[in-house]
């Protein structure tokens, strides 16, 4: 899943989610499902004029989400192995 950030002329930012090239309204539960399935978000798309600070903030947010997802998935696999369950 890829997040799409759109900034209009009134400086309002809208977040969408793009899946297979089709943009949809952003829904947190869909993002979590995609993270569980794919393990990470793709590089976000920025449409409109974003400041360097806004770009950096968005990139940091996506990187942090991906880092936390990777750590959580690693912990889950480790817990399953220690319990004698096969990893997914």
C-alpha atoms as a PDB file:
ATOM      1  CA  UNK A   1       0.000   0.000   0.000  1.00  0.00           C
ATOM      2  CA  UNK A   2       1.122   3.485  -0.786  1.00  0.00           C
ATOM      3  CA  UNK A   3      -0.052   6.625   0.991  1.00  0.00           C
ATOM      4  CA  UNK A   4      -0.842   9.643  -1.181  1.00  0.00           C
ATOM      5  CA  UNK A   5      -0.633  13.112   0.369  1.00  0.00           C
ATOM      6  CA  UNK A   6      -2.382  15.879  -1.577  1.00  0.00           C
ATOM      7  CA  UNK A   7      -2.015  19.534  -0.711  1.00  0.00           C
ATOM      8  CA  UNK A   8      -4.442  22.001  -2.273  1.00  0.00           C
ATOM      9  CA  UNK A   9      -4.156  25.742  -2.857  1.00  0.00           C
ATOM     10  CA  UNK A  10      -5.676  26.402   0.582  1.00  0.00           C
ATOM     11  CA  UNK A  11      -2.775  24.472   2.164  1.00  0.00           C
ATOM     12  CA  UNK A  12      -5.111  21.618   3.212  1.00  0.00           C
ATOM     13  CA  UNK A  13      -3.572  18.158   3.143  1.00  0.00           C
ATOM     14  CA  UNK A  14      -5.659  15.111   2.277  1.00  0.00           C
ATOM     15  CA  UNK A  15      -4.370  11.574   2.773  1.00  0.00           C
ATOM     16  CA  UNK A  16      -5.454   8.769   0.471  1.00  0.00           C
ATOM     17  CA  UNK A  17      -4.334   5.184   0.144  1.00  0.00           C
ATOM     18  CA  UNK A  18      -3.327   3.802  -3.207  1.00  0.00           C
ATOM     19  CA  UNK A  19      -3.637   0.106  -3.942  1.00  0.00           C
ATOM     20  CA  UNK A  20      -2.820  -1.263  -7.393  1.00  0.00           C
ATOM     21  CA  UNK A  21      -2.839   2.276  -8.798  1.00  0.00           C
ATOM     22  CA  UNK A  22      -6.316   3.173  -7.538  1.00  0.00           C
ATOM     23  CA  UNK A  23      -6.727   5.879  -4.887  1.00  0.00           C
ATOM     24  CA  UNK A  24      -9.186   5.327  -2.028  1.00  0.00           C
ATOM     25  CA  UNK A  25     -10.133   7.230   1.099  1.00  0.00           C
ATOM     26  CA  UNK A  26      -7.626   6.584   3.877  1.00  0.00           C
ATOM     27  CA  UNK A  27      -8.841   4.093   6.482  1.00  0.00           C
ATOM     28  CA  UNK A  28      -6.562   3.149   9.387  1.00  0.00           C
ATOM     29  CA  UNK A  29      -7.804  -0.443   9.537  1.00  0.00           C
ATOM     30  CA  UNK A  30      -7.022  -0.912   5.833  1.00  0.00           C
ATOM     31  CA  UNK A  31      -3.497   0.369   6.454  1.00  0.00           C
ATOM     32  CA  UNK A  32      -3.030  -2.072   9.335  1.00  0.00           C
ATOM     33  CA  UNK A  33      -4.310  -4.968   7.214  1.00  0.00           C
ATOM     34  CA  UNK A  34      -1.886  -3.995   4.425  1.00  0.00           C
ATOM     35  CA  UNK A  35       0.993  -3.768   6.903  1.00  0.00           C
ATOM     36  CA  UNK A  36       0.206  -7.242   8.243  1.00  0.00           C
ATOM     37  CA  UNK A  37       0.018  -8.614   4.704  1.00  0.00           C
ATOM     38  CA  UNK A  38       2.904  -6.752   3.037  1.00  0.00           C
ATOM     39  CA  UNK A  39       5.106  -5.877   6.024  1.00  0.00           C
ATOM     40  CA  UNK A  40       5.705  -2.259   4.998  1.00  0.00           C
ATOM     41  CA  UNK A  41       4.283   0.803   3.317  1.00  0.00           C
ATOM     42  CA  UNK A  42       5.680   1.869  -0.024  1.00  0.00           C
ATOM     43  CA  UNK A  43       7.367   5.245  -0.522  1.00  0.00           C
ATOM     44  CA  UNK A  44       4.615   7.873  -0.178  1.00  0.00           C
ATOM     45  CA  UNK A  45       3.422  10.074  -3.044  1.00  0.00           C
ATOM     46  CA  UNK A  46       3.302  13.831  -2.490  1.00  0.00           C
ATOM     47  CA  UNK A  47       1.044  15.859  -4.774  1.00  0.00           C
ATOM     48  CA  UNK A  48       1.094  19.635  -4.511  1.00  0.00           C
ATOM     49  CA  UNK A  49       3.634  22.012  -3.023  1.00  0.00           C
ATOM     50  CA  UNK A  50       5.043  20.649   0.235  1.00  0.00           C
ATOM     51  CA  UNK A  51       7.725  22.361   2.304  1.00  0.00           C
ATOM     52  CA  UNK A  52      10.955  20.505   2.981  1.00  0.00           C
ATOM     53  CA  UNK A  53       9.895  20.128   6.621  1.00  0.00           C
ATOM     54  CA  UNK A  54       6.539  18.607   5.582  1.00  0.00           C
ATOM     55  CA  UNK A  55       8.307  16.203   3.208  1.00  0.00           C
ATOM     56  CA  UNK A  56      10.774  15.197   5.908  1.00  0.00           C
ATOM     57  CA  UNK A  57       7.965  14.722   8.434  1.00  0.00           C
ATOM     58  CA  UNK A  58       5.962  12.476   6.092  1.00  0.00           C
ATOM     59  CA  UNK A  59       9.044  10.424   5.170  1.00  0.00           C
ATOM     60  CA  UNK A  60       9.940  10.037   8.863  1.00  0.00           C
ATOM     61  CA  UNK A  61       6.394   8.962   9.724  1.00  0.00           C
ATOM     62  CA  UNK A  62       6.348   6.261   7.029  1.00  0.00           C
ATOM     63  CA  UNK A  63       9.840   5.083   8.029  1.00  0.00           C
ATOM     64  CA  UNK A  64       8.772   4.867  11.674  1.00  0.00           C
ATOM     65  CA  UNK A  65       5.613   2.925  10.785  1.00  0.00           C
ATOM     66  CA  UNK A  66       7.695   0.492   8.723  1.00  0.00           C
ATOM     67  CA  UNK A  67      10.303   0.126  11.489  1.00  0.00           C
ATOM     68  CA  UNK A  68       7.668  -0.559  14.149  1.00  0.00           C
ATOM     69  CA  UNK A  69       5.880  -3.023  11.858  1.00  0.00           C
ATOM     70  CA  UNK A  70       9.113  -4.920  11.195  1.00  0.00           C
ATOM     71  CA  UNK A  71       9.917  -5.082  14.919  1.00  0.00           C
ATOM     72  CA  UNK A  72       6.408  -6.277  15.767  1.00  0.00           C
ATOM     73  CA  UNK A  73       6.436  -8.925  13.046  1.00  0.00           C
ATOM     74  CA  UNK A  74       9.863 -10.146  14.198  1.00  0.00           C
ATOM     75  CA  UNK A  75       8.604 -10.383  17.788  1.00  0.00           C
ATOM     76  CA  UNK A  76       5.520 -12.329  16.689  1.00  0.00           C
ATOM     77  CA  UNK A  77       7.589 -14.814  14.683  1.00  0.00           C
ATOM     78  CA  UNK A  78      10.023 -15.191  17.596  1.00  0.00           C
ATOM     79  CA  UNK A  79       7.183 -15.821  20.049  1.00  0.00           C
ATOM     80  CA  UNK A  80       5.617 -18.403  17.766  1.00  0.00           C
ATOM     81  CA  UNK A  81       8.925 -20.229  17.347  1.00  0.00           C
ATOM     82  CA  UNK A  82       9.522 -20.303  21.115  1.00  0.00           C
ATOM     83  CA  UNK A  83       6.021 -21.719  21.609  1.00  0.00           C
ATOM     84  CA  UNK A  84       6.717 -24.488  19.122  1.00  0.00           C
ATOM     85  CA  UNK A  85       4.398 -23.050  16.490  1.00  0.00           C
ATOM     86  CA  UNK A  86       5.619 -22.752  12.924  1.00  0.00           C
ATOM     87  CA  UNK A  87       6.215 -19.206  11.665  1.00  0.00           C
ATOM     88  CA  UNK A  88       3.646 -17.851   9.183  1.00  0.00           C
END
